[in-house]
Amino acid sequence: MTRGRPGLAGPGLPAWGQAFPARLAEDVRRAAAFVPESRPGPAEPFRVVVTGESVDIPSRVYEEEPGECPGPGLTGTQRLILHCLYSRHHDGHVRQRHLEALLPAAEPWVVPYVIQQAGEYVREIQEAIRRGLPGIAVPHSPQRRLYGAFIVRNAEFFARTERRAVSYWACYHRAEYPVFGASPGGVLMAEFRAAATECAGTAWPRHTPRPVAAALTPPCAAAARPPSPGSRP
């Protein structure tokens, strides 16, 4: 069950303020002082749950980067907030630069900003995520637990992310990577799914193409295949 957001109701909160947990309201206000106003405002948000609280993250933002980003005099948390915001920027180069600053963070509220980009179309960003999350492939690592716990609590969001990753692969990357699972996005989806499986203690549902060997083997062919010598009774 998610809780309300009284901490984000006060004055001085930007339109994108509900992209962060309520306990960060004051940090959001301080970070917002460095963000130029934008027309148009943030694009339609997507909702996820972070530590039991719903947050609404903009699909895209159009605010220009401040002259000194992330602003001088900000705390580490406030800098992370700015990096999260600009990781949703409409310019892919800006998105990647700020995303790379997020990858070492172990804050649960940073995770959806990373996973969202893993399902988008920029291959260089997907490759940066793979480089920046070395622990995601390590069983029982803190990083794997962090991402697995988020996915388990946001199953629908992750399913949409997987489907979107497949769609973008089919449109933009299939010529280079004929098999989805071999593409940067495909590898990331598999690693995230393994993290969720470890956290949930059961196989996490797949919303991407099956591995090519399994996909190319008709069930009847597998059933008709003669047993190997070692498997005979």
Protein backbone atom coordinates (compact mmCIF):
# COMPACT_ATOMS: atom_id res chain seq x y z
CA MET A 1 0.00 0.00 0.00
CA THR A 2 1.37 3.41 -0.91
CA ARG A 3 1.24 6.41 1.36
CA GLY A 4 0.29 10.00 0.68
CA ARG A 5 2.65 12.80 -0.19
CA PRO A 6 2.07 15.68 2.27
CA GLY A 7 5.75 16.64 2.17
CA LEU A 8 5.44 17.71 -1.46
CA ALA A 9 2.46 20.03 -1.07
CA GLY A 10 4.26 23.19 0.07
CA PRO A 11 5.24 26.25 -1.94
CA GLY A 12 8.35 26.37 -4.09
CA LEU A 13 8.05 22.82 -5.42
CA PRO A 14 8.62 22.52 -9.20
CA ALA A 15 6.30 20.68 -11.58
CA TRP A 16 8.68 17.71 -11.54
CA GLY A 17 8.84 17.59 -7.73
CA GLN A 18 6.62 14.52 -7.42
CA ALA A 19 9.31 12.49 -9.17
CA PHE A 20 10.95 11.99 -5.76
CA PRO A 21 9.88 10.62 -2.37
CA ALA A 22 8.18 13.07 -0.01
CA ARG A 23 11.05 12.98 2.48
CA LEU A 24 13.21 14.69 -0.17
CA ALA A 25 10.87 17.68 -0.55
CA GLU A 26 13.31 20.20 0.93
CA ASP A 27 16.19 18.80 -1.12
CA VAL A 28 14.02 19.08 -4.26
CA ARG A 29 13.28 22.73 -3.48
CA ARG A 30 16.96 23.52 -3.03
CA ALA A 31 17.94 21.70 -6.22
CA ALA A 32 15.11 23.39 -8.14
CA ALA A 33 16.69 26.79 -7.49
CA PHE A 34 19.37 25.83 -10.06
CA VAL A 35 16.93 24.70 -12.76
CA PRO A 36 15.80 27.27 -15.37
CA GLU A 37 12.07 27.42 -16.06
CA SER A 38 10.94 25.62 -19.18
CA ARG A 39 8.22 25.91 -21.82
CA PRO A 40 6.85 23.36 -22.44
CA GLY A 41 6.83 21.73 -19.02
CA PRO A 42 7.68 18.10 -18.26
CA ALA A 43 6.08 15.45 -20.49
CA GLU A 44 3.52 12.93 -19.25
CA PRO A 45 4.97 11.07 -16.24
CA PHE A 46 5.18 7.37 -15.51
CA ARG A 47 4.39 6.10 -12.01
CA VAL A 48 6.48 3.70 -9.96
CA VAL A 49 6.66 2.74 -6.30
CA VAL A 50 9.81 3.54 -4.33
CA THR A 51 10.08 2.24 -0.75
CA GLY A 52 6.29 2.02 -0.50
CA GLU A 53 5.54 5.45 -2.00
CA SER A 54 4.27 6.33 -5.47
CA VAL A 55 6.37 8.80 -7.45
CA ASP A 56 5.57 10.30 -10.87
CA ILE A 57 8.65 10.61 -13.07
CA PRO A 58 8.44 12.75 -16.22
CA SER A 59 8.93 10.92 -19.49
CA ARG A 60 10.92 13.91 -20.76
CA VAL A 61 11.97 17.31 -19.44
CA TYR A 62 12.91 20.37 -21.44
CA GLU A 63 14.65 22.51 -18.83
CA GLU A 64 18.04 23.76 -19.94
CA GLU A 65 21.02 22.66 -17.88
CA PRO A 66 22.14 25.32 -15.40
CA GLY A 67 25.43 27.06 -16.16
CA GLU A 68 27.15 25.13 -13.38
CA CYS A 69 25.61 21.69 -13.10
CA PRO A 70 25.10 20.22 -10.66
CA GLY A 71 25.01 23.56 -8.86
CA PRO A 72 27.67 24.68 -6.38
CA GLY A 73 26.82 24.42 -2.72
CA LEU A 74 24.45 21.46 -3.14
CA THR A 75 24.58 18.33 -1.01
CA GLY A 76 25.23 14.92 -2.53
CA THR A 77 21.51 14.13 -2.39
CA GLN A 78 20.59 17.40 -4.10
CA ARG A 79 23.13 16.73 -6.84
CA LEU A 80 21.63 13.28 -7.38
CA ILE A 81 18.20 14.88 -7.72
CA LEU A 82 19.51 17.12 -10.51
CA HIS A 83 21.19 14.17 -12.22
CA CYS A 84 17.90 12.23 -12.03
CA LEU A 85 15.97 15.14 -13.51
CA TYR A 86 18.38 15.70 -16.39
CA SER A 87 18.58 11.98 -17.11
CA ARG A 88 15.04 12.53 -18.50
CA HIS A 89 16.18 15.37 -20.79
CA HIS A 90 15.02 15.47 -24.40
CA ASP A 91 18.65 15.60 -25.61
CA GLY A 92 20.21 12.13 -25.56
CA HIS A 93 23.72 13.46 -24.89
CA VAL A 94 22.46 15.29 -21.79
CA ARG A 95 20.58 12.17 -20.68
CA GLN A 96 23.67 10.00 -20.97
CA ARG A 97 25.95 12.42 -19.15
CA HIS A 98 23.64 12.63 -16.14
CA LEU A 99 22.75 8.95 -16.20
CA GLU A 100 26.41 8.01 -15.89
CA ALA A 101 26.60 10.12 -12.72
CA LEU A 102 23.66 8.15 -11.28
CA LEU A 103 25.00 4.64 -11.82
CA PRO A 104 27.22 4.39 -8.70
CA ALA A 105 24.34 5.55 -6.45
CA ALA A 106 22.74 3.04 -4.09
CA GLU A 107 19.57 5.05 -3.43
CA PRO A 108 16.30 3.19 -4.23
CA TRP A 109 14.78 6.35 -5.73
CA VAL A 110 17.55 6.48 -8.36
CA VAL A 111 16.81 2.98 -9.71
CA PRO A 112 13.74 3.79 -11.89
CA TYR A 113 15.69 6.50 -13.72
CA VAL A 114 18.27 3.90 -14.71
CA ILE A 115 15.86 1.11 -15.65
CA GLN A 116 13.74 3.46 -17.75
CA GLN A 117 16.75 4.33 -19.91
CA ALA A 118 17.72 0.68 -20.23
CA GLY A 119 14.51 0.16 -22.19
CA GLU A 120 14.94 3.13 -24.50
CA TYR A 121 16.51 3.26 -27.95
CA VAL A 122 19.99 4.75 -27.46
CA ARG A 123 22.45 1.87 -27.63
CA GLU A 124 25.31 3.94 -26.19
CA ILE A 125 23.22 4.61 -23.08
CA GLN A 126 22.46 0.90 -22.69
CA GLU A 127 26.16 0.14 -22.99
CA ALA A 128 26.94 2.80 -20.37
CA ILE A 129 24.45 1.19 -17.99
CA ARG A 130 26.10 -2.20 -18.44
CA ARG A 131 29.52 -0.71 -17.68
CA GLY A 132 28.20 1.26 -14.72
CA LEU A 133 26.33 -1.60 -13.03
CA PRO A 134 28.96 -4.34 -12.71
CA GLY A 135 27.27 -5.76 -9.63
CA ILE A 136 23.98 -6.45 -11.38
CA ALA A 137 25.43 -9.70 -12.78
CA VAL A 138 26.95 -10.80 -9.45
CA PRO A 139 24.69 -13.09 -7.38
CA HIS A 140 23.70 -11.63 -3.99
CA SER A 141 25.59 -8.38 -4.56
CA PRO A 142 24.12 -5.19 -3.00
CA GLN A 143 23.56 -3.74 -6.46
CA ARG A 144 21.67 -6.81 -7.61
CA ARG A 145 19.52 -6.77 -4.46
CA LEU A 146 18.76 -3.06 -4.95
CA TYR A 147 17.55 -3.47 -8.53
CA GLY A 148 15.84 -6.80 -7.93
CA ALA A 149 13.80 -5.39 -5.04
CA PHE A 150 12.64 -2.45 -7.15
CA ILE A 151 11.56 -4.69 -10.04
CA VAL A 152 9.65 -7.04 -7.74
CA ARG A 153 7.68 -4.05 -6.40
CA ASN A 154 7.13 -2.64 -9.91
CA ALA A 155 6.34 -5.67 -12.02
CA GLU A 156 4.09 -3.84 -14.52
CA PHE A 157 6.63 -1.07 -15.03
CA PHE A 158 9.38 -3.59 -15.75
CA ALA A 159 7.15 -5.59 -18.11
CA ARG A 160 6.50 -2.39 -20.08
CA THR A 161 10.23 -1.67 -20.08
CA GLU A 162 11.00 -5.11 -21.52
CA ARG A 163 8.37 -4.74 -24.25
CA ARG A 164 9.62 -1.27 -25.13
CA ALA A 165 13.21 -2.54 -25.33
CA VAL A 166 12.09 -5.25 -27.78
CA SER A 167 10.19 -2.73 -29.91
CA TYR A 168 13.17 -0.38 -30.15
CA TRP A 169 15.50 -3.27 -30.94
CA ALA A 170 13.20 -4.40 -33.76
CA CYS A 171 13.07 -0.85 -35.18
CA TYR A 172 16.66 0.31 -34.78
CA HIS A 173 19.12 -2.45 -33.87
CA ARG A 174 17.97 -5.71 -35.40
CA ALA A 175 20.32 -5.44 -38.38
CA GLU A 176 23.33 -5.22 -36.06
CA TYR A 177 21.97 -7.68 -33.46
CA PRO A 178 19.73 -10.27 -35.18
CA VAL A 179 19.06 -11.88 -31.79
CA PHE A 180 17.48 -9.65 -29.15
CA GLY A 181 19.25 -11.39 -26.29
CA ALA A 182 22.65 -10.49 -27.75
CA SER A 183 21.87 -6.77 -28.00
CA PRO A 184 22.88 -4.38 -25.17
CA GLY A 185 19.23 -3.93 -24.24
CA GLY A 186 18.60 -7.66 -24.31
CA VAL A 187 21.56 -8.37 -22.04
CA LEU A 188 20.38 -5.71 -19.59
CA MET A 189 16.83 -7.07 -19.50
CA ALA A 190 18.17 -10.56 -18.76
CA GLU A 191 20.38 -9.25 -15.96
CA PHE A 192 17.53 -7.26 -14.41
CA ARG A 193 15.24 -10.28 -14.68
CA ALA A 194 17.86 -12.44 -12.93
CA ALA A 195 18.05 -9.86 -10.14
CA ALA A 196 14.26 -10.00 -9.74
CA THR A 197 14.33 -13.80 -9.75
CA GLU A 198 16.91 -13.80 -6.96
CA CYS A 199 14.90 -11.30 -4.92
CA ALA A 200 11.54 -13.02 -5.43
CA GLY A 201 12.88 -16.53 -4.97
CA THR A 202 11.08 -17.72 -8.10
CA ALA A 203 11.56 -17.34 -11.86
CA TRP A 204 10.57 -13.83 -12.93
CA PRO A 205 8.21 -13.60 -15.94
CA ARG A 206 9.82 -12.91 -19.31
CA HIS A 207 8.38 -10.33 -21.73
CA THR A 208 11.16 -10.59 -24.30
CA PRO A 209 11.88 -13.21 -27.00
CA ARG A 210 13.08 -16.54 -25.72
CA PRO A 211 16.76 -17.43 -26.25
CA VAL A 212 17.27 -18.27 -29.89
CA ALA A 213 18.11 -21.96 -29.36
CA ALA A 214 14.87 -22.52 -27.45
CA ALA A 215 12.88 -20.42 -29.92
CA LEU A 216 14.11 -22.45 -32.90
CA THR A 217 13.39 -25.86 -31.36
CA PRO A 218 9.76 -26.94 -31.89
CA PRO A 219 8.33 -28.72 -28.82
CA CYS A 220 7.51 -31.78 -30.92
CA ALA A 221 11.12 -32.00 -32.11
CA ALA A 222 12.40 -31.91 -28.57
CA ALA A 223 9.94 -34.64 -27.56
CA ALA A 224 10.90 -36.83 -30.52
CA ARG A 225 14.64 -36.47 -30.00
CA PRO A 226 16.17 -39.84 -28.96
CA PRO A 227 17.66 -39.94 -25.47
CA SER A 228 21.42 -39.71 -25.13
CA PRO A 229 23.28 -42.89 -24.15
CA GLY A 230 23.82 -41.60 -20.65
CA SER A 231 20.12 -40.98 -20.08
CA ARG A 232 18.90 -44.47 -21.00
CA PRO A 233 17.59 -46.58 -18.13
